[in-house]
Amino acid sequence: MKTKIYIQIVAVSVSLFCIAVTANGQATRTWVSGVGDDVNPCSRTAPCKTFAGAISKTAEGGEIDPLDPAGYGTVTITKAIVIDGGTGSGWASVLSAGSPSGIIVNITTGTHVNDAVVILRNITINGAIQSPTVGAANGINYIKAANLIVENCYLQNLSTTGINTSSLATTGVLRVTDCAFDFTNTGILLTTSSGFVAAQVDRCRFNALNTGINTTSNAFVNVSNCNFNQTTGPNGGVRANTGCQVNVTNSMFASNNIGANNAGGLIRLSNNDFFNNATAINGSAESANNNRFRANTTDGTTNNVITVK
């Protein structure tokens, strides 16, 4: 009798588990492959073909990984998730020519709408602005997420912005590490209409752009160990607009129209190099009196008010 009851309990438990899995239909880790198919369950043995196909089959807080180097298409992220392009057998590329954005981050679903973390790692986003078709405007359009982390990504050939926060309507935190921005109008645009956007940018390259890092409203940025080279526009390598603060340390500004541009906000500089720029500093910047200047047409003005201890 006890055995029969036990068997019934196990059967009911298994049945309830199967119902839950069927109702959810999502895995914590999903896989994509260049030879996959989006009708697949996105398992390792039956991968999907695109990020867009995999995201609906990935649980909130889960991860999407590629099995091989391929182009995985544009995607809109609406829940906490990790997309890791990988550095072993896989490397993810998003060719976004003709699309408004390669990746859109706009958290609207799940149990972490207000504290979602999105991580994008090891991905190339190519806007193909020199292709016969219309190039992509933005690499990553950051609209809503508590934290967006971008690591070891390459954003190139974009007509507007590498990472864009102009649609961010609330407080957000952006962390960008070991990334490259090449042949793009603006590398990173930081602004929000409500709250503030805080950004940490470390070990990044900004090469042959119109503008490197541009802040326009309610932005607070820490920049370290970065290289700004050949930014040609009037905003410069880094720009601090009114109400914005930019701290720059251990970085190189070389061959720019403007290196650091104080447009009414606040720029603090410590241990940076300014070489061969038309204008090294536009406006005035706070300094720790340890920055180096050589062969600029105009060095600009610093106030040596940062205490060195």
Protein backbone atom coordinates (compact mmCIF):
# COMPACT_ATOMS: atom_id res chain seq x y z
CA MET A 1 0.00 0.00 0.00
CA LYS A 2 2.83 2.37 0.95
CA THR A 3 4.64 1.51 -2.26
CA LYS A 4 1.55 2.33 -4.30
CA ILE A 5 1.16 5.72 -2.55
CA TYR A 6 4.82 6.48 -3.12
CA ILE A 7 4.56 5.68 -6.81
CA GLN A 8 1.51 7.94 -7.09
CA ILE A 9 3.35 10.82 -5.39
CA VAL A 10 6.34 10.44 -7.73
CA ALA A 11 4.05 10.30 -10.75
CA VAL A 12 2.24 13.46 -9.69
CA SER A 13 5.55 15.27 -9.05
CA VAL A 14 6.96 14.30 -12.44
CA SER A 15 3.71 15.36 -14.08
CA LEU A 16 3.77 18.77 -12.40
CA PHE A 17 7.43 19.22 -13.35
CA CYS A 18 6.71 18.44 -16.99
CA ILE A 19 3.79 20.87 -17.00
CA ALA A 20 6.05 23.61 -15.55
CA VAL A 21 8.76 22.99 -18.14
CA THR A 22 6.24 22.97 -20.96
CA ALA A 23 4.63 26.16 -19.71
CA ASN A 24 7.95 27.93 -19.43
CA GLY A 25 9.72 26.44 -22.44
CA GLN A 26 12.92 28.34 -21.71
CA ALA A 27 16.44 27.24 -20.86
CA THR A 28 18.97 29.09 -18.73
CA ARG A 29 21.62 28.58 -21.44
CA THR A 30 20.85 28.50 -25.14
CA TRP A 31 23.06 28.07 -28.19
CA VAL A 32 23.26 29.56 -31.67
CA SER A 33 25.14 28.39 -34.74
CA GLY A 34 25.67 29.66 -38.26
CA VAL A 35 24.12 26.39 -39.48
CA GLY A 36 21.35 26.37 -36.86
CA ASP A 37 17.62 26.98 -37.29
CA ASP A 38 15.39 29.26 -35.24
CA VAL A 39 12.68 26.57 -35.11
CA ASN A 40 15.06 24.50 -32.98
CA PRO A 41 14.95 24.52 -29.15
CA CYS A 42 18.37 26.28 -29.10
CA SER A 43 20.02 23.39 -27.29
CA ARG A 44 23.66 22.51 -27.90
CA THR A 45 22.70 19.69 -30.24
CA ALA A 46 19.89 21.66 -31.92
CA PRO A 47 21.00 25.31 -31.89
CA CYS A 48 19.13 28.32 -33.20
CA LYS A 49 20.49 30.48 -36.00
CA THR A 50 20.09 34.03 -34.64
CA PHE A 51 20.14 35.91 -31.35
CA ALA A 52 16.57 37.02 -32.04
CA GLY A 53 15.51 33.41 -32.41
CA ALA A 54 17.29 32.34 -29.23
CA ILE A 55 16.22 35.12 -26.91
CA SER A 56 12.58 34.00 -26.71
CA LYS A 57 13.78 30.53 -25.69
CA THR A 58 16.21 31.80 -23.06
CA ALA A 59 15.06 32.29 -19.48
CA GLU A 60 15.35 35.67 -17.78
CA GLY A 61 18.87 36.01 -16.41
CA GLY A 62 20.12 33.29 -18.76
CA GLU A 63 22.85 33.26 -21.39
CA ILE A 64 23.13 32.88 -25.16
CA ASP A 65 26.38 31.44 -26.56
CA PRO A 66 27.57 30.73 -30.13
CA LEU A 67 28.99 27.39 -31.21
CA ASP A 68 30.93 28.78 -34.19
CA PRO A 69 31.94 32.11 -35.75
CA ALA A 70 28.97 33.52 -37.65
CA GLY A 71 26.68 36.48 -38.14
CA TYR A 72 23.82 36.24 -35.66
CA GLY A 73 21.66 39.19 -36.66
CA THR A 74 20.21 42.20 -34.88
CA VAL A 75 18.32 41.67 -31.63
CA THR A 76 16.10 43.52 -29.16
CA ILE A 77 16.76 42.57 -25.53
CA THR A 78 13.70 42.94 -23.28
CA LYS A 79 14.85 41.01 -20.18
CA ALA A 80 17.96 40.47 -18.08
CA ILE A 81 20.35 38.34 -20.12
CA VAL A 82 23.97 37.64 -21.09
CA ILE A 83 25.05 37.35 -24.72
CA ASP A 84 28.63 36.09 -24.91
CA GLY A 85 30.12 35.83 -28.38
CA GLY A 86 32.92 33.65 -27.06
CA THR A 87 36.62 33.58 -27.87
CA GLY A 88 37.06 29.86 -28.48
CA SER A 89 35.09 28.05 -31.15
CA GLY A 90 32.67 30.93 -31.59
CA TRP A 91 32.80 34.65 -32.28
CA ALA A 92 29.56 36.56 -32.77
CA SER A 93 29.13 39.22 -35.41
CA VAL A 94 26.11 41.47 -35.99
CA LEU A 95 25.98 42.96 -39.48
CA SER A 96 23.41 45.70 -39.03
CA ALA A 97 23.44 47.48 -42.40
CA GLY A 98 20.02 48.98 -43.05
CA SER A 99 18.90 48.57 -39.42
CA PRO A 100 18.40 51.42 -36.92
CA SER A 101 20.48 49.56 -34.31
CA GLY A 102 22.50 46.38 -34.06
CA ILE A 103 21.36 45.64 -30.50
CA ILE A 104 18.53 47.38 -28.63
CA VAL A 105 18.44 47.08 -24.83
CA ASN A 106 14.96 47.90 -23.54
CA ILE A 107 13.89 45.91 -20.47
CA THR A 108 10.10 45.59 -20.42
CA THR A 109 9.44 42.02 -19.23
CA GLY A 110 10.33 39.62 -16.43
CA THR A 111 10.64 39.94 -12.67
CA HIS A 112 13.63 42.31 -12.86
CA VAL A 113 12.29 45.12 -14.98
CA ASN A 114 13.70 47.73 -12.58
CA ASP A 115 17.01 46.08 -11.68
CA ALA A 116 17.92 44.09 -14.78
CA VAL A 117 21.56 43.49 -15.71
CA VAL A 118 22.42 43.00 -19.40
CA ILE A 119 25.91 41.81 -20.37
CA LEU A 120 27.20 41.91 -23.95
CA ARG A 121 30.61 40.32 -24.43
CA ASN A 122 32.86 39.37 -27.36
CA ILE A 123 30.65 40.75 -30.14
CA THR A 124 31.43 42.71 -33.30
CA ILE A 125 28.79 45.14 -34.54
CA ASN A 126 29.42 46.39 -38.08
CA GLY A 127 27.18 49.13 -39.47
CA ALA A 128 28.72 48.81 -42.95
CA ILE A 129 28.39 52.53 -43.71
CA GLN A 130 30.49 52.15 -46.84
CA SER A 131 28.27 49.43 -48.27
CA PRO A 132 25.82 50.18 -51.12
CA THR A 133 22.94 49.79 -48.66
CA VAL A 134 22.20 52.25 -45.86
CA GLY A 135 24.45 51.76 -42.85
CA ALA A 136 23.19 51.24 -39.32
CA ALA A 137 22.69 54.29 -37.11
CA ASN A 138 23.64 52.81 -33.71
CA GLY A 139 25.61 49.82 -32.59
CA ILE A 140 23.92 49.47 -29.18
CA ASN A 141 20.85 51.52 -28.31
CA TYR A 142 20.56 51.62 -24.50
CA ILE A 143 16.94 52.52 -23.69
CA LYS A 144 16.23 50.81 -20.33
CA ALA A 145 18.22 48.55 -17.99
CA ALA A 146 19.57 49.13 -14.51
CA ASN A 147 23.04 48.04 -15.67
CA LEU A 148 24.46 47.51 -19.14
CA ILE A 149 27.91 45.94 -19.28
CA VAL A 150 29.76 45.85 -22.62
CA GLU A 151 33.05 43.94 -22.67
CA ASN A 152 35.54 43.16 -25.42
CA CYS A 153 33.26 44.34 -28.22
CA TYR A 154 34.09 46.01 -31.53
CA LEU A 155 31.74 48.73 -32.82
CA GLN A 156 32.63 49.94 -36.28
CA ASN A 157 31.38 51.70 -39.39
CA LEU A 158 28.25 53.16 -37.74
CA SER A 159 26.65 56.31 -39.09
CA THR A 160 25.51 57.72 -35.73
CA THR A 161 26.73 56.18 -32.45
CA GLY A 162 28.54 53.12 -31.13
CA ILE A 163 26.66 53.10 -27.81
CA ASN A 164 23.69 55.45 -27.66
CA THR A 165 21.72 56.46 -24.54
CA SER A 166 19.72 59.31 -26.07
CA SER A 167 16.46 57.38 -25.48
CA LEU A 168 17.33 56.59 -21.85
CA ALA A 169 14.51 58.10 -19.80
CA THR A 170 15.63 57.00 -16.34
CA THR A 171 18.78 56.31 -14.33
CA GLY A 172 21.16 53.83 -15.90
CA VAL A 173 24.68 52.54 -15.32
CA LEU A 174 26.93 51.73 -18.28
CA ARG A 175 30.24 49.87 -18.00
CA VAL A 176 32.41 49.59 -21.10
CA THR A 177 35.69 47.67 -20.95
CA ASP A 178 38.23 46.55 -23.57
CA CYS A 179 36.17 47.81 -26.51
CA ALA A 180 37.09 49.49 -29.80
CA PHE A 181 35.14 52.19 -31.63
CA ASP A 182 36.34 52.69 -35.20
CA PHE A 183 35.07 54.80 -38.12
CA THR A 184 31.88 55.85 -36.36
CA ASN A 185 30.33 59.28 -35.91
CA THR A 186 30.24 59.21 -32.07
CA GLY A 187 31.76 56.45 -29.99
CA ILE A 188 29.58 56.81 -26.86
CA LEU A 189 26.74 59.29 -26.34
CA LEU A 190 25.69 59.73 -22.70
CA THR A 191 22.51 61.56 -21.77
CA THR A 192 19.20 60.99 -20.02
CA SER A 193 16.04 63.05 -19.66
CA SER A 194 15.39 61.86 -16.08
CA GLY A 195 17.68 60.77 -13.25
CA PHE A 196 21.27 60.34 -14.43
CA VAL A 197 23.48 58.06 -16.45
CA ALA A 198 26.73 56.94 -14.88
CA ALA A 199 29.44 55.39 -17.04
CA GLN A 200 32.80 53.73 -16.48
CA VAL A 201 34.91 53.41 -19.62
CA ASP A 202 38.19 51.54 -19.27
CA ARG A 203 40.84 50.29 -21.72
CA CYS A 204 38.98 51.37 -24.86
CA ARG A 205 40.11 52.70 -28.25
CA PHE A 206 38.36 55.56 -30.04
CA ASN A 207 39.81 55.81 -33.52
CA ALA A 208 38.90 57.94 -36.56
CA LEU A 209 35.60 59.23 -35.19
CA ASN A 210 33.82 62.55 -35.25
CA THR A 211 33.45 62.44 -31.43
CA GLY A 212 34.83 60.02 -28.86
CA ILE A 213 32.70 60.30 -25.70
CA ASN A 214 30.00 62.97 -25.69
CA THR A 215 27.94 63.90 -22.63
CA THR A 216 24.94 66.17 -23.15
CA SER A 217 22.70 65.92 -20.05
CA ASN A 218 22.84 64.40 -16.54
CA ALA A 219 25.93 62.29 -17.22
CA PHE A 220 28.79 61.34 -14.90
CA VAL A 221 31.70 59.52 -16.53
CA ASN A 222 34.97 57.97 -15.42
CA VAL A 223 37.42 57.31 -18.27
CA SER A 224 40.67 55.43 -17.71
CA ASN A 225 43.41 53.85 -19.81
CA CYS A 226 41.81 54.86 -23.11
CA ASN A 227 43.19 56.02 -26.45
CA PHE A 228 41.56 58.85 -28.41
CA ASN A 229 43.05 59.17 -31.87
CA GLN A 230 42.00 61.28 -34.86
CA THR A 231 38.61 62.53 -33.64
CA THR A 232 37.86 65.22 -36.19
CA GLY A 233 34.67 66.99 -35.03
CA PRO A 234 34.08 70.01 -32.79
CA ASN A 235 33.15 67.90 -29.73
CA GLY A 236 36.55 66.28 -29.37
CA GLY A 237 37.80 63.11 -27.73
CA VAL A 238 35.75 63.70 -24.57
CA ARG A 239 33.14 66.42 -24.02
CA ALA A 240 31.46 67.60 -20.81
CA ASN A 241 28.29 69.58 -21.44
CA THR A 242 26.53 71.71 -18.80
CA GLY A 243 25.51 69.57 -15.83
CA CYS A 244 27.90 66.75 -16.78
CA GLN A 245 31.16 65.60 -15.21
CA VAL A 246 33.98 63.67 -16.89
CA ASN A 247 37.03 62.33 -15.05
CA VAL A 248 39.90 61.15 -17.27
CA THR A 249 42.99 59.30 -16.05
CA ASN A 250 45.92 57.50 -17.69
CA SER A 251 44.73 58.12 -21.24
CA MET A 252 46.22 59.25 -24.55
CA PHE A 253 44.89 62.04 -26.79
CA ALA A 254 46.75 62.16 -30.09
CA SER A 255 46.09 63.89 -33.42
CA ASN A 256 42.60 65.08 -32.50
CA ASN A 257 40.89 68.30 -33.49
CA ILE A 258 40.12 68.72 -29.77
CA GLY A 259 41.30 66.41 -27.02
CA ALA A 260 39.22 67.30 -23.93
CA ASN A 261 36.32 69.70 -24.44
CA ASN A 262 34.71 71.52 -21.50
CA ALA A 263 31.41 72.76 -22.92
CA GLY A 264 30.05 74.12 -19.64
CA GLY A 265 30.41 71.06 -17.44
CA LEU A 266 33.42 69.77 -15.53
CA ILE A 267 36.47 67.84 -16.75
CA ARG A 268 39.12 66.50 -14.38
CA LEU A 269 42.45 65.26 -15.76
CA SER A 270 45.17 63.18 -14.14
CA ASN A 271 48.20 61.53 -15.74
CA ASN A 272 47.15 61.91 -19.38
CA ASP A 273 49.16 62.56 -22.56
CA PHE A 274 48.16 65.21 -25.14
CA PHE A 275 50.28 65.01 -28.29
CA ASN A 276 49.86 66.53 -31.77
CA ASN A 277 46.32 67.82 -31.23
CA ALA A 278 45.02 71.03 -32.80
CA THR A 279 43.60 71.96 -29.38
CA ALA A 280 44.52 69.77 -26.43
CA ILE A 281 41.98 71.28 -24.02
CA ASN A 282 39.07 73.48 -25.04
CA GLY A 283 37.77 75.60 -22.18
CA SER A 284 39.37 74.79 -18.86
CA ALA A 285 39.97 71.51 -17.06
CA GLU A 286 40.86 70.66 -13.48
CA SER A 287 44.28 69.04 -13.33
CA ALA A 288 46.51 67.18 -10.92
CA ASN A 289 49.47 68.99 -12.55
CA ASN A 290 50.73 65.67 -13.90
CA ASN A 291 49.46 65.72 -17.50
CA ARG A 292 51.92 65.91 -20.40
CA PHE A 293 51.63 68.17 -23.45
CA ARG A 294 53.73 68.22 -26.60
CA ALA A 295 53.37 69.39 -30.22
CA ASN A 296 49.79 70.62 -29.87
CA THR A 297 48.84 73.76 -31.78
CA THR A 298 47.15 74.95 -28.56
CA ASP A 299 47.61 73.26 -25.20
CA GLY A 300 44.65 74.98 -23.53
CA THR A 301 44.08 75.85 -19.90
CA THR A 302 44.24 73.75 -16.73
CA ASN A 303 43.52 74.66 -13.14
CA ASN A 304 45.88 72.64 -10.98
CA VAL A 305 43.44 72.16 -8.13
CA ILE A 306 43.44 68.34 -7.76
CA THR A 307 45.42 67.46 -4.66
CA VAL A 308 48.24 64.97 -5.11
CA LYS A 309 49.03 63.01 -1.95
